[in-house]
């Protein structure tokens, strides 16, 4: 399972760091990432990172957000700086996990964590 934490209320221009830790039966983890869904909007990819630490960002967060991971801890982090009111959303972590040697990779989702940015 994936456990996300770190959301909260912050003023515009502030920072938050989200964490997402995978636990349970894990053989390997490929991609870890974050999606978000704002009220009335579609869910969108924020950022993701491969096991080889290649990263990908939505244009709207480039230069402000940084995704990283600690493979030894099965944890991904999303450092969010210069937050804007439009970053307000429920953020969901996800990971593609292989639970044992003989299995395929499958998508796993954590519970959402709310990020609210006040103006």
PDB file of N, CA and C in Angstrom:
ATOM      1  N   UNK A   1       0.829  -1.186   0.000  1.00  0.00           N
ATOM      2  CA  UNK A   1       0.000   0.000   0.000  1.00  0.00           C
ATOM      3  C   UNK A   1       0.868   1.242   0.000  1.00  0.00           C
ATOM      4  N   UNK A   2       0.251   2.354  -0.375  1.00  0.00           N
ATOM      5  CA  UNK A   2       0.965   3.617  -0.408  1.00  0.00           C
ATOM      6  C   UNK A   2       0.384   4.535   0.650  1.00  0.00           C
ATOM      7  N   UNK A   3       1.255   5.148   1.426  1.00  0.00           N
ATOM      8  CA  UNK A   3       0.851   6.070   2.464  1.00  0.00           C
ATOM      9  C   UNK A   3       1.407   7.440   2.135  1.00  0.00           C
ATOM     10  N   UNK A   4       0.496   8.404   1.935  1.00  0.00           N
ATOM     11  CA  UNK A   4       0.898   9.761   1.606  1.00  0.00           C
ATOM     12  C   UNK A   4       0.729  10.650   2.821  1.00  0.00           C
ATOM     13  N   UNK A   5       1.580  11.653   2.901  1.00  0.00           N
ATOM     14  CA  UNK A   5       1.482  12.613   4.000  1.00  0.00           C
ATOM     15  C   UNK A   5       2.091  13.933   3.569  1.00  0.00           C
ATOM     16  N   UNK A   6       1.830  14.969   4.345  1.00  0.00           N
ATOM     17  CA  UNK A   6       2.491  16.237   4.127  1.00  0.00           C
ATOM     18  C   UNK A   6       1.619  17.359   3.622  1.00  0.00           C
ATOM     19  N   UNK A   7       0.362  17.080   3.329  1.00  0.00           N
ATOM     20  CA  UNK A   7      -0.496  18.148   2.851  1.00  0.00           C
ATOM     21  C   UNK A   7      -0.839  19.126   3.955  1.00  0.00           C
ATOM     22  N   UNK A   8      -1.509  20.208   3.590  1.00  0.00           N
ATOM     23  CA  UNK A   8      -1.901  21.181   4.583  1.00  0.00           C
ATOM     24  C   UNK A   8      -2.268  22.501   3.955  1.00  0.00           C
ATOM     25  N   UNK A   9      -2.361  23.496   4.811  1.00  0.00           N
ATOM     26  CA  UNK A   9      -2.720  24.851   4.390  1.00  0.00           C
ATOM     27  C   UNK A   9      -1.476  25.729   4.423  1.00  0.00           C
ATOM     28  N   UNK A  10      -1.252  26.439   3.344  1.00  0.00           N
ATOM     29  CA  UNK A  10      -0.085  27.304   3.259  1.00  0.00           C
ATOM     30  C   UNK A  10      -0.466  28.562   2.495  1.00  0.00           C
ATOM     31  N   UNK A  11       0.206  29.653   2.782  1.00  0.00           N
ATOM     32  CA  UNK A  11      -0.034  30.882   2.043  1.00  0.00           C
ATOM     33  C   UNK A  11       0.687  30.842   0.698  1.00  0.00           C
ATOM     34  N   UNK A  12       0.187  31.604  -0.227  1.00  0.00           N
ATOM     35  CA  UNK A  12       0.833  31.702  -1.533  1.00  0.00           C
ATOM     36  C   UNK A  12       2.293  32.109  -1.353  1.00  0.00           C
ATOM     37  N   UNK A  13       3.149  31.456  -2.121  1.00  0.00           N
ATOM     38  CA  UNK A  13       4.578  31.689  -2.004  1.00  0.00           C
ATOM     39  C   UNK A  13       5.274  30.762  -1.027  1.00  0.00           C
ATOM     40  N   UNK A  14       4.494  30.036  -0.261  1.00  0.00           N
ATOM     41  CA  UNK A  14       5.061  29.117   0.728  1.00  0.00           C
ATOM     42  C   UNK A  14       5.451  27.783   0.133  1.00  0.00           C
ATOM     43  N   UNK A  15       5.849  26.880   1.020  1.00  0.00           N
ATOM     44  CA  UNK A  15       6.346  25.567   0.592  1.00  0.00           C
ATOM     45  C   UNK A  15       5.710  24.460   1.418  1.00  0.00           C
ATOM     46  N   UNK A  16       5.608  23.307   0.794  1.00  0.00           N
ATOM     47  CA  UNK A  16       5.194  22.084   1.468  1.00  0.00           C
ATOM     48  C   UNK A  16       5.988  20.935   0.869  1.00  0.00           C
ATOM     49  N   UNK A  17       6.156  19.873   1.635  1.00  0.00           N
ATOM     50  CA  UNK A  17       6.770  18.659   1.102  1.00  0.00           C
ATOM     51  C   UNK A  17       5.846  17.478   1.359  1.00  0.00           C
ATOM     52  N   UNK A  18       5.498  16.805   0.289  1.00  0.00           N
ATOM     53  CA  UNK A  18       4.690  15.603   0.377  1.00  0.00           C
ATOM     54  C   UNK A  18       5.599  14.377   0.376  1.00  0.00           C
ATOM     55  N   UNK A  19       5.165  13.367   1.115  1.00  0.00           N
ATOM     56  CA  UNK A  19       5.887  12.094   1.131  1.00  0.00           C
ATOM     57  C   UNK A  19       4.937  10.965   0.767  1.00  0.00           C
ATOM     58  N   UNK A  20       5.465   9.964   0.128  1.00  0.00           N
ATOM     59  CA  UNK A  20       4.669   8.789  -0.239  1.00  0.00           C
ATOM     60  C   UNK A  20       5.538   7.558  -0.029  1.00  0.00           C
ATOM     61  N   UNK A  21       5.111   6.693   0.867  1.00  0.00           N
ATOM     62  CA  UNK A  21       5.881   5.491   1.197  1.00  0.00           C
ATOM     63  C   UNK A  21       5.104   4.244   0.828  1.00  0.00           C
ATOM     64  N   UNK A  22       5.764   3.360   0.124  1.00  0.00           N
ATOM     65  CA  UNK A  22       5.170   2.079  -0.244  1.00  0.00           C
ATOM     66  C   UNK A  22       5.566   1.028   0.777  1.00  0.00           C
ATOM     67  N   UNK A  23       4.617   0.200   1.152  1.00  0.00           N
ATOM     68  CA  UNK A  23       4.892  -0.855   2.123  1.00  0.00           C
ATOM     69  C   UNK A  23       4.143  -2.116   1.725  1.00  0.00           C
ATOM     70  N   UNK A  24       4.463  -3.209   2.406  1.00  0.00           N
ATOM     71  CA  UNK A  24       3.810  -4.483   2.106  1.00  0.00           C
ATOM     72  C   UNK A  24       4.674  -5.332   1.197  1.00  0.00           C
ATOM     73  N   UNK A  25       4.021  -6.135   0.367  1.00  0.00           N
ATOM     74  CA  UNK A  25       4.730  -7.046  -0.512  1.00  0.00           C
ATOM     75  C   UNK A  25       5.266  -6.274  -1.714  1.00  0.00           C
ATOM     76  N   UNK A  26       6.579  -6.067  -1.742  1.00  0.00           N
ATOM     77  CA  UNK A  26       7.203  -5.296  -2.813  1.00  0.00           C
ATOM     78  C   UNK A  26       8.437  -6.033  -3.299  1.00  0.00           C
ATOM     79  N   UNK A  27       8.463  -6.361  -4.588  1.00  0.00           N
ATOM     80  CA  UNK A  27       9.671  -6.918  -5.188  1.00  0.00           C
ATOM     81  C   UNK A  27      10.496  -5.801  -5.808  1.00  0.00           C
ATOM     82  N   UNK A  28       9.807  -4.933  -6.539  1.00  0.00           N
ATOM     83  CA  UNK A  28      10.487  -3.761  -7.084  1.00  0.00           C
ATOM     84  C   UNK A  28       9.451  -2.695  -7.412  1.00  0.00           C
ATOM     85  N   UNK A  29       9.915  -1.461  -7.462  1.00  0.00           N
ATOM     86  CA  UNK A  29       9.077  -0.319  -7.809  1.00  0.00           C
ATOM     87  C   UNK A  29       9.676   0.355  -9.017  1.00  0.00           C
ATOM     88  N   UNK A  30       8.869   0.600 -10.019  1.00  0.00           N
ATOM     89  CA  UNK A  30       9.358   1.272 -11.216  1.00  0.00           C
ATOM     90  C   UNK A  30       9.138   2.777 -11.057  1.00  0.00           C
ATOM     91  N   UNK A  31       8.010   3.258 -11.485  1.00  0.00           N
ATOM     92  CA  UNK A  31       7.742   4.690 -11.443  1.00  0.00           C
ATOM     93  C   UNK A  31       6.971   5.050 -10.171  1.00  0.00           C
ATOM     94  N   UNK A  32       7.348   6.152  -9.562  1.00  0.00           N
ATOM     95  CA  UNK A  32       6.565   6.750  -8.478  1.00  0.00           C
ATOM     96  C   UNK A  32       6.208   8.164  -8.893  1.00  0.00           C
ATOM     97  N   UNK A  33       5.021   8.582  -8.516  1.00  0.00           N
ATOM     98  CA  UNK A  33       4.631   9.911  -8.963  1.00  0.00           C
ATOM     99  C   UNK A  33       3.482  10.488  -8.168  1.00  0.00           C
ATOM    100  N   UNK A  34       3.128  11.697  -8.564  1.00  0.00           N
ATOM    101  CA  UNK A  34       2.034  12.420  -7.925  1.00  0.00           C
ATOM    102  C   UNK A  34       1.074  12.943  -8.986  1.00  0.00           C
ATOM    103  N   UNK A  35      -0.199  12.773  -8.712  1.00  0.00           N
ATOM    104  CA  UNK A  35      -1.260  13.359  -9.495  1.00  0.00           C
ATOM    105  C   UNK A  35      -2.033  14.300  -8.579  1.00  0.00           C
ATOM    106  N   UNK A  36      -2.799  15.198  -9.179  1.00  0.00           N
ATOM    107  CA  UNK A  36      -3.649  16.046  -8.359  1.00  0.00           C
ATOM    108  C   UNK A  36      -4.983  16.281  -9.050  1.00  0.00           C
ATOM    109  N   UNK A  37      -5.977  16.538  -8.219  1.00  0.00           N
ATOM    110  CA  UNK A  37      -7.294  16.860  -8.756  1.00  0.00           C
ATOM    111  C   UNK A  37      -7.862  18.027  -7.983  1.00  0.00           C
ATOM    112  N   UNK A  38      -8.069  19.114  -8.706  1.00  0.00           N
ATOM    113  CA  UNK A  38      -8.683  20.301  -8.126  1.00  0.00           C
ATOM    114  C   UNK A  38     -10.195  20.227  -8.319  1.00  0.00           C
ATOM    115  N   UNK A  39     -10.950  20.943  -7.501  1.00  0.00           N
ATOM    116  CA  UNK A  39     -12.411  20.909  -7.629  1.00  0.00           C
ATOM    117  C   UNK A  39     -12.849  21.294  -9.031  1.00  0.00           C
ATOM    118  N   UNK A  40     -13.663  20.474  -9.616  1.00  0.00           N
ATOM    119  CA  UNK A  40     -14.198  20.764 -10.929  1.00  0.00           C
ATOM    120  C   UNK A  40     -13.239  20.546 -12.078  1.00  0.00           C
ATOM    121  N   UNK A  41     -12.074  20.008 -11.794  1.00  0.00           N
ATOM    122  CA  UNK A  41     -11.087  19.790 -12.842  1.00  0.00           C
ATOM    123  C   UNK A  41     -10.711  18.319 -12.940  1.00  0.00           C
ATOM    124  N   UNK A  42     -10.116  17.980 -14.072  1.00  0.00           N
ATOM    125  CA  UNK A  42      -9.678  16.605 -14.260  1.00  0.00           C
ATOM    126  C   UNK A  42      -8.409  16.335 -13.479  1.00  0.00           C
ATOM    127  N   UNK A  43      -8.223  15.086 -13.169  1.00  0.00           N
ATOM    128  CA  UNK A  43      -6.997  14.669 -12.520  1.00  0.00           C
ATOM    129  C   UNK A  43      -5.837  14.861 -13.492  1.00  0.00           C
ATOM    130  N   UNK A  44      -4.720  15.379 -12.995  1.00  0.00           N
ATOM    131  CA  UNK A  44      -3.572  15.611 -13.865  1.00  0.00           C
ATOM    132  C   UNK A  44      -2.289  15.132 -13.212  1.00  0.00           C
ATOM    133  N   UNK A  45      -1.361  14.715 -14.049  1.00  0.00           N
ATOM    134  CA  UNK A  45      -0.050  14.333 -13.564  1.00  0.00           C
ATOM    135  C   UNK A  45       0.702  15.579 -13.125  1.00  0.00           C
ATOM    136  N   UNK A  46       1.281  15.527 -11.956  1.00  0.00           N
ATOM    137  CA  UNK A  46       2.117  16.619 -11.453  1.00  0.00           C
ATOM    138  C   UNK A  46       3.585  16.332 -11.762  1.00  0.00           C
ATOM    139  N   UNK A  47       4.035  15.176 -11.340  1.00  0.00           N
ATOM    140  CA  UNK A  47       5.437  14.801 -11.555  1.00  0.00           C
ATOM    141  C   UNK A  47       5.585  13.309 -11.308  1.00  0.00           C
ATOM    142  N   UNK A  48       6.545  12.710 -11.992  1.00  0.00           N
ATOM    143  CA  UNK A  48       6.878  11.334 -11.684  1.00  0.00           C
ATOM    144  C   UNK A  48       8.376  11.118 -11.839  1.00  0.00           C
ATOM    145  N   UNK A  49       8.822   9.993 -11.297  1.00  0.00           N
ATOM    146  CA  UNK A  49      10.254   9.699 -11.267  1.00  0.00           C
ATOM    147  C   UNK A  49      10.431   8.202 -11.413  1.00  0.00           C
ATOM    148  N   UNK A  50      11.366   7.809 -12.262  1.00  0.00           N
ATOM    149  CA  UNK A  50      11.638   6.395 -12.474  1.00  0.00           C
ATOM    150  C   UNK A  50      12.608   5.880 -11.413  1.00  0.00           C
ATOM    151  N   UNK A  51      12.796   4.575 -11.413  1.00  0.00           N
ATOM    152  CA  UNK A  51      13.756   4.000 -10.474  1.00  0.00           C
ATOM    153  C   UNK A  51      15.163   4.455 -10.794  1.00  0.00           C
ATOM    154  N   UNK A  52      15.369   4.856 -12.039  1.00  0.00           N
ATOM    155  CA  UNK A  52      16.661   5.382 -12.426  1.00  0.00           C
ATOM    156  C   UNK A  52      16.765   6.875 -12.248  1.00  0.00           C
ATOM    157  N   UNK A  53      15.818   7.443 -11.517  1.00  0.00           N
ATOM    158  CA  UNK A  53      15.722   8.860 -11.131  1.00  0.00           C
ATOM    159  C   UNK A  53      15.581   9.821 -12.303  1.00  0.00           C
ATOM    160  N   UNK A  54      15.046   9.339 -13.412  1.00  0.00           N
ATOM    161  CA  UNK A  54      14.634  10.275 -14.458  1.00  0.00           C
ATOM    162  C   UNK A  54      13.301  10.884 -14.027  1.00  0.00           C
ATOM    163  N   UNK A  55      13.145  12.186 -14.243  1.00  0.00           N
ATOM    164  CA  UNK A  55      11.962  12.886 -13.765  1.00  0.00           C
ATOM    165  C   UNK A  55      11.163  13.500 -14.902  1.00  0.00           C
ATOM    166  N   UNK A  56       9.887  13.733 -14.606  1.00  0.00           N
ATOM    167  CA  UNK A  56       8.975  14.326 -15.574  1.00  0.00           C
ATOM    168  C   UNK A  56       8.035  15.241 -14.795  1.00  0.00           C
ATOM    169  N   UNK A  57       7.793  16.454 -15.330  1.00  0.00           N
ATOM    170  CA  UNK A  57       6.960  17.418 -14.632  1.00  0.00           C
ATOM    171  C   UNK A  57       5.890  17.997 -15.537  1.00  0.00           C
ATOM    172  N   UNK A  58       4.767  18.342 -14.948  1.00  0.00           N
ATOM    173  CA  UNK A  58       3.775  19.139 -15.660  1.00  0.00           C
ATOM    174  C   UNK A  58       4.363  20.526 -15.887  1.00  0.00           C
ATOM    175  N   UNK A  59       4.020  21.128 -17.020  1.00  0.00           N
ATOM    176  CA  UNK A  59       4.563  22.458 -17.324  1.00  0.00           C
ATOM    177  C   UNK A  59       4.228  23.462 -16.228  1.00  0.00           C
ATOM    178  N   UNK A  60       3.080  23.303 -15.620  1.00  0.00           N
ATOM    179  CA  UNK A  60       2.611  24.279 -14.638  1.00  0.00           C
ATOM    180  C   UNK A  60       3.429  24.268 -13.344  1.00  0.00           C
ATOM    181  N   UNK A  61       4.214  23.219 -13.124  1.00  0.00           N
ATOM    182  CA  UNK A  61       4.982  23.146 -11.870  1.00  0.00           C
ATOM    183  C   UNK A  61       6.490  23.158 -12.099  1.00  0.00           C
ATOM    184  N   UNK A  62       6.914  23.140 -13.340  1.00  0.00           N
ATOM    185  CA  UNK A  62       8.352  23.143 -13.619  1.00  0.00           C
ATOM    186  C   UNK A  62       9.020  24.349 -13.000  1.00  0.00           C
ATOM    187  N   UNK A  63      10.143  24.112 -12.361  1.00  0.00           N
ATOM    188  CA  UNK A  63      10.884  25.187 -11.716  1.00  0.00           C
ATOM    189  C   UNK A  63      10.421  25.487 -10.306  1.00  0.00           C
ATOM    190  N   UNK A  64       9.278  24.935  -9.915  1.00  0.00           N
ATOM    191  CA  UNK A  64       8.759  25.174  -8.558  1.00  0.00           C
ATOM    192  C   UNK A  64       8.701  23.892  -7.734  1.00  0.00           C
ATOM    193  N   UNK A  65       8.389  22.790  -8.376  1.00  0.00           N
ATOM    194  CA  UNK A  65       8.275  21.507  -7.677  1.00  0.00           C
ATOM    195  C   UNK A  65       9.466  20.626  -8.033  1.00  0.00           C
ATOM    196  N   UNK A  66       9.874  19.832  -7.070  1.00  0.00           N
ATOM    197  CA  UNK A  66      10.949  18.861  -7.291  1.00  0.00           C
ATOM    198  C   UNK A  66      10.540  17.514  -6.722  1.00  0.00           C
ATOM    199  N   UNK A  67      10.595  16.493  -7.566  1.00  0.00           N
ATOM    200  CA  UNK A  67      10.298  15.149  -7.110  1.00  0.00           C
ATOM    201  C   UNK A  67      11.607  14.395  -6.904  1.00  0.00           C
ATOM    202  N   UNK A  68      11.656  13.598  -5.871  1.00  0.00           N
ATOM    203  CA  UNK A  68      12.844  12.787  -5.589  1.00  0.00           C
ATOM    204  C   UNK A  68      12.378  11.484  -4.945  1.00  0.00           C
ATOM    205  N   UNK A  69      13.291  10.555  -4.831  1.00  0.00           N
ATOM    206  CA  UNK A  69      12.922   9.302  -4.172  1.00  0.00           C
ATOM    207  C   UNK A  69      14.108   8.698  -3.464  1.00  0.00           C
ATOM    208  N   UNK A  70      13.793   7.937  -2.441  1.00  0.00           N
ATOM    209  CA  UNK A  70      14.778   7.174  -1.695  1.00  0.00           C
ATOM    210  C   UNK A  70      14.401   5.714  -1.899  1.00  0.00           C
ATOM    211  N   UNK A  71      15.112   5.040  -2.772  1.00  0.00           N
ATOM    212  CA  UNK A  71      14.750   3.672  -3.118  1.00  0.00           C
ATOM    213  C   UNK A  71      14.892   2.729  -1.919  1.00  0.00           C
ATOM    214  N   UNK A  72      15.835   3.002  -1.052  1.00  0.00           N
ATOM    215  CA  UNK A  72      16.027   2.155   0.122  1.00  0.00           C
ATOM    216  C   UNK A  72      14.825   2.216   1.059  1.00  0.00           C
ATOM    217  N   UNK A  73      14.124   3.341   1.027  1.00  0.00           N
ATOM    218  CA  UNK A  73      12.957   3.528   1.896  1.00  0.00           C
ATOM    219  C   UNK A  73      11.643   3.377   1.144  1.00  0.00           C
ATOM    220  N   UNK A  74      11.714   3.059  -0.144  1.00  0.00           N
ATOM    221  CA  UNK A  74      10.501   2.953  -0.975  1.00  0.00           C
ATOM    222  C   UNK A  74       9.638   4.204  -0.848  1.00  0.00           C
ATOM    223  N   UNK A  75      10.282   5.341  -0.833  1.00  0.00           N
ATOM    224  CA  UNK A  75       9.591   6.605  -0.586  1.00  0.00           C
ATOM    225  C   UNK A  75       9.904   7.618  -1.673  1.00  0.00           C
ATOM    226  N   UNK A  76       8.867   8.331  -2.083  1.00  0.00           N
ATOM    227  CA  UNK A  76       9.013   9.445  -3.006  1.00  0.00           C
ATOM    228  C   UNK A  76       8.605  10.724  -2.294  1.00  0.00           C
ATOM    229  N   UNK A  77       9.238  11.807  -2.687  1.00  0.00           N
ATOM    230  CA  UNK A  77       8.974  13.105  -2.081  1.00  0.00           C
ATOM    231  C   UNK A  77       8.612  14.103  -3.173  1.00  0.00           C
ATOM    232  N   UNK A  78       7.750  15.037  -2.833  1.00  0.00           N
ATOM    233  CA  UNK A  78       7.436  16.128  -3.743  1.00  0.00           C
ATOM    234  C   UNK A  78       7.630  17.427  -2.968  1.00  0.00           C
ATOM    235  N   UNK A  79       8.722  18.110  -3.266  1.00  0.00           N
ATOM    236  CA  UNK A  79       8.985  19.408  -2.648  1.00  0.00           C
ATOM    237  C   UNK A  79       8.303  20.470  -3.487  1.00  0.00           C
ATOM    238  N   UNK A  80       7.402  21.198  -2.869  1.00  0.00           N
ATOM    239  CA  UNK A  80       6.608  22.191  -3.586  1.00  0.00           C
ATOM    240  C   UNK A  80       6.960  23.575  -3.042  1.00  0.00           C
ATOM    241  N   UNK A  81       7.573  24.384  -3.881  1.00  0.00           N
ATOM    242  CA  UNK A  81       7.957  25.744  -3.502  1.00  0.00           C
ATOM    243  C   UNK A  81       7.158  26.746  -4.319  1.00  0.00           C
ATOM    244  N   UNK A  82       7.168  27.986  -3.869  1.00  0.00           N
ATOM    245  CA  UNK A  82       6.468  29.066  -4.575  1.00  0.00           C
ATOM    246  C   UNK A  82       5.040  28.664  -4.916  1.00  0.00           C
ATOM    247  N   UNK A  83       4.367  28.136  -3.934  1.00  0.00           N
ATOM    248  CA  UNK A  83       3.009  27.628  -4.174  1.00  0.00           C
ATOM    249  C   UNK A  83       2.057  28.744  -4.550  1.00  0.00           C
ATOM    250  N   UNK A  84       1.126  28.400  -5.421  1.00  0.00           N
ATOM    251  CA  UNK A  84       0.128  29.339  -5.917  1.00  0.00           C
ATOM    252  C   UNK A  84      -1.270  28.832  -5.558  1.00  0.00           C
ATOM    253  N   UNK A  85      -2.239  29.720  -5.473  1.00  0.00           N
ATOM    254  CA  UNK A  85      -3.615  29.256  -5.188  1.00  0.00           C
ATOM    255  C   UNK A  85      -4.092  28.186  -6.168  1.00  0.00           C
ATOM    256  N   UNK A  86      -3.636  28.259  -7.405  1.00  0.00           N
ATOM    257  CA  UNK A  86      -4.063  27.269  -8.393  1.00  0.00           C
ATOM    258  C   UNK A  86      -3.436  25.891  -8.167  1.00  0.00           C
ATOM    259  N   UNK A  87      -2.521  25.795  -7.221  1.00  0.00           N
ATOM    260  CA  UNK A  87      -1.976  24.479  -6.851  1.00  0.00           C
ATOM    261  C   UNK A  87      -2.891  23.758  -5.863  1.00  0.00           C
ATOM    262  N   UNK A  88      -3.913  24.446  -5.390  1.00  0.00           N
ATOM    263  CA  UNK A  88      -4.847  23.831  -4.450  1.00  0.00           C
ATOM    264  C   UNK A  88      -5.521  22.633  -5.093  1.00  0.00           C
ATOM    265  N   UNK A  89      -5.419  21.494  -4.433  1.00  0.00           N
ATOM    266  CA  UNK A  89      -5.969  20.254  -4.986  1.00  0.00           C
ATOM    267  C   UNK A  89      -5.763  19.132  -3.978  1.00  0.00           C
ATOM    268  N   UNK A  90      -6.385  18.021  -4.250  1.00  0.00           N
ATOM    269  CA  UNK A  90      -6.059  16.780  -3.548  1.00  0.00           C
ATOM    270  C   UNK A  90      -4.948  16.110  -4.347  1.00  0.00           C
ATOM    271  N   UNK A  91      -3.874  15.799  -3.685  1.00  0.00           N
ATOM    272  CA  UNK A  91      -2.721  15.190  -4.329  1.00  0.00           C
ATOM    273  C   UNK A  91      -2.699  13.689  -4.007  1.00  0.00           C
ATOM    274  N   UNK A  92      -2.532  12.894  -5.049  1.00  0.00           N
ATOM    275  CA  UNK A  92      -2.509  11.443  -4.914  1.00  0.00           C
ATOM    276  C   UNK A  92      -1.152  10.916  -5.351  1.00  0.00           C
ATOM    277  N   UNK A  93      -0.576  10.054  -4.541  1.00  0.00           N
ATOM    278  CA  UNK A  93       0.652   9.407  -4.979  1.00  0.00           C
ATOM    279  C   UNK A  93       0.312   8.082  -5.662  1.00  0.00           C
ATOM    280  N   UNK A  94       1.169   7.695  -6.555  1.00  0.00           N
ATOM    281  CA  UNK A  94       0.969   6.440  -7.259  1.00  0.00           C
ATOM    282  C   UNK A  94       2.317   5.787  -7.502  1.00  0.00           C
ATOM    283  N   UNK A  95       2.286   4.500  -7.718  1.00  0.00           N
ATOM    284  CA  UNK A  95       3.520   3.776  -7.994  1.00  0.00           C
ATOM    285  C   UNK A  95       3.201   2.529  -8.800  1.00  0.00           C
ATOM    286  N   UNK A  96       4.107   2.171  -9.683  1.00  0.00           N
ATOM    287  CA  UNK A  96       3.989   0.906 -10.388  1.00  0.00           C
ATOM    288  C   UNK A  96       4.881  -0.088  -9.669  1.00  0.00           C
ATOM    289  N   UNK A  97       4.252  -1.125  -9.130  1.00  0.00           N
ATOM    290  CA  UNK A  97       4.928  -2.045  -8.221  1.00  0.00           C
ATOM    291  C   UNK A  97       4.830  -3.473  -8.735  1.00  0.00           C
ATOM    292  N   UNK A  98       5.922  -4.174  -8.587  1.00  0.00           N
ATOM    293  CA  UNK A  98       5.964  -5.603  -8.870  1.00  0.00           C
ATOM    294  C   UNK A  98       6.022  -6.292  -7.504  1.00  0.00           C
ATOM    295  N   UNK A  99       4.984  -7.045  -7.161  1.00  0.00           N
ATOM    296  CA  UNK A  99       4.888  -7.558  -5.792  1.00  0.00           C
ATOM    297  C   UNK A  99       5.734  -8.806  -5.568  1.00  0.00           C
ATOM    298  N   UNK A 100       6.031  -9.542  -6.632  1.00  0.00           N
ATOM    299  CA  UNK A 100       6.944 -10.675  -6.487  1.00  0.00           C
ATOM    300  C   UNK A 100       7.611 -10.941  -7.825  1.00  0.00           C
ATOM    301  N   UNK A 101       8.541 -11.872  -7.850  1.00  0.00           N
ATOM    302  CA  UNK A 101       9.365 -12.099  -9.033  1.00  0.00           C
ATOM    303  C   UNK A 101       8.522 -12.456 -10.252  1.00  0.00           C
ATOM    304  N   UNK A 102       7.466 -13.204 -10.027  1.00  0.00           N
ATOM    305  CA  UNK A 102       6.684 -13.684 -11.150  1.00  0.00           C
ATOM    306  C   UNK A 102       5.558 -12.784 -11.607  1.00  0.00           C
ATOM    307  N   UNK A 103       5.384 -11.655 -10.956  1.00  0.00           N
ATOM    308  CA  UNK A 103       4.241 -10.803 -11.272  1.00  0.00           C
ATOM    309  C   UNK A 103       4.628  -9.692 -12.241  1.00  0.00           C
ATOM    310  N   UNK A 104       3.607  -9.095 -12.837  1.00  0.00           N
ATOM    311  CA  UNK A 104       3.812  -7.910 -13.658  1.00  0.00           C
ATOM    312  C   UNK A 104       3.741  -6.672 -12.774  1.00  0.00           C
ATOM    313  N   UNK A 105       4.203  -5.561 -13.318  1.00  0.00           N
ATOM    314  CA  UNK A 105       4.032  -4.299 -12.622  1.00  0.00           C
ATOM    315  C   UNK A 105       2.556  -3.907 -12.658  1.00  0.00           C
ATOM    316  N   UNK A 106       2.048  -3.378 -11.563  1.00  0.00           N
ATOM    317  CA  UNK A 106       0.675  -2.895 -11.515  1.00  0.00           C
ATOM    318  C   UNK A 106       0.652  -1.551 -10.802  1.00  0.00           C
ATOM    319  N   UNK A 107      -0.367  -0.768 -11.116  1.00  0.00           N
ATOM    320  CA  UNK A 107      -0.492   0.562 -10.524  1.00  0.00           C
ATOM    321  C   UNK A 107      -1.129   0.492  -9.145  1.00  0.00           C
ATOM    322  N   UNK A 108      -0.541   1.228  -8.232  1.00  0.00           N
ATOM    323  CA  UNK A 108      -1.064   1.324  -6.880  1.00  0.00           C
ATOM    324  C   UNK A 108      -1.237   2.795  -6.530  1.00  0.00           C
ATOM    325  N   UNK A 109      -2.262   3.104  -5.785  1.00  0.00           N
ATOM    326  CA  UNK A 109      -2.583   4.482  -5.430  1.00  0.00           C
ATOM    327  C   UNK A 109      -2.663   4.642  -3.921  1.00  0.00           C
ATOM    328  N   UNK A 110      -2.184   5.791  -3.460  1.00  0.00           N
ATOM    329  CA  UNK A 110      -2.330   6.146  -2.070  1.00  0.00           C
ATOM    330  C   UNK A 110      -3.593   6.960  -1.857  1.00  0.00           C
ATOM    331  N   UNK A 111      -3.908   7.197  -0.592  1.00  0.00           N
ATOM    332  CA  UNK A 111      -5.034   8.072  -0.291  1.00  0.00           C
ATOM    333  C   UNK A 111      -4.618   9.495  -0.634  1.00  0.00           C
ATOM    334  N   UNK A 112      -5.538  10.337  -0.934  1.00  0.00           N
ATOM    335  CA  UNK A 112      -5.214  11.707  -1.280  1.00  0.00           C
ATOM    336  C   UNK A 112      -4.835  12.518  -0.058  1.00  0.00           C
ATOM    337  N   UNK A 113      -4.042  13.525  -0.306  1.00  0.00           N
ATOM    338  CA  UNK A 113      -3.704  14.481   0.746  1.00  0.00           C
ATOM    339  C   UNK A 113      -4.012  15.874   0.217  1.00  0.00           C
ATOM    340  N   UNK A 114      -4.735  16.653   1.011  1.00  0.00           N
ATOM    341  CA  UNK A 114      -5.213  17.940   0.539  1.00  0.00           C
ATOM    342  C   UNK A 114      -4.153  19.018   0.725  1.00  0.00           C
ATOM    343  N   UNK A 115      -3.913  19.736  -0.348  1.00  0.00           N
ATOM    344  CA  UNK A 115      -3.043  20.906  -0.313  1.00  0.00           C
ATOM    345  C   UNK A 115      -3.911  22.121  -0.615  1.00  0.00           C
ATOM    346  N   UNK A 116      -3.908  23.080   0.292  1.00  0.00           N
ATOM    347  CA  UNK A 116      -4.685  24.303   0.120  1.00  0.00           C
ATOM    348  C   UNK A 116      -3.739  25.490   0.190  1.00  0.00           C
ATOM    349  N   UNK A 117      -3.750  26.287  -0.862  1.00  0.00           N
ATOM    350  CA  UNK A 117      -2.886  27.461  -0.933  1.00  0.00           C
ATOM    351  C   UNK A 117      -3.772  28.698  -0.900  1.00  0.00           C
ATOM    352  N   UNK A 118      -3.619  29.492   0.124  1.00  0.00           N
ATOM    353  CA  UNK A 118      -4.438  30.691   0.256  1.00  0.00           C
ATOM    354  C   UNK A 118      -3.741  31.890  -0.376  1.00  0.00           C
ATOM    355  N   UNK A 119      -4.539  32.797  -0.896  1.00  0.00           N
ATOM    356  CA  UNK A 119      -3.970  33.977  -1.570  1.00  0.00           C
ATOM    357  C   UNK A 119      -3.773  35.128  -0.590  1.00  0.00           C
TER     358      UNK A 119
END
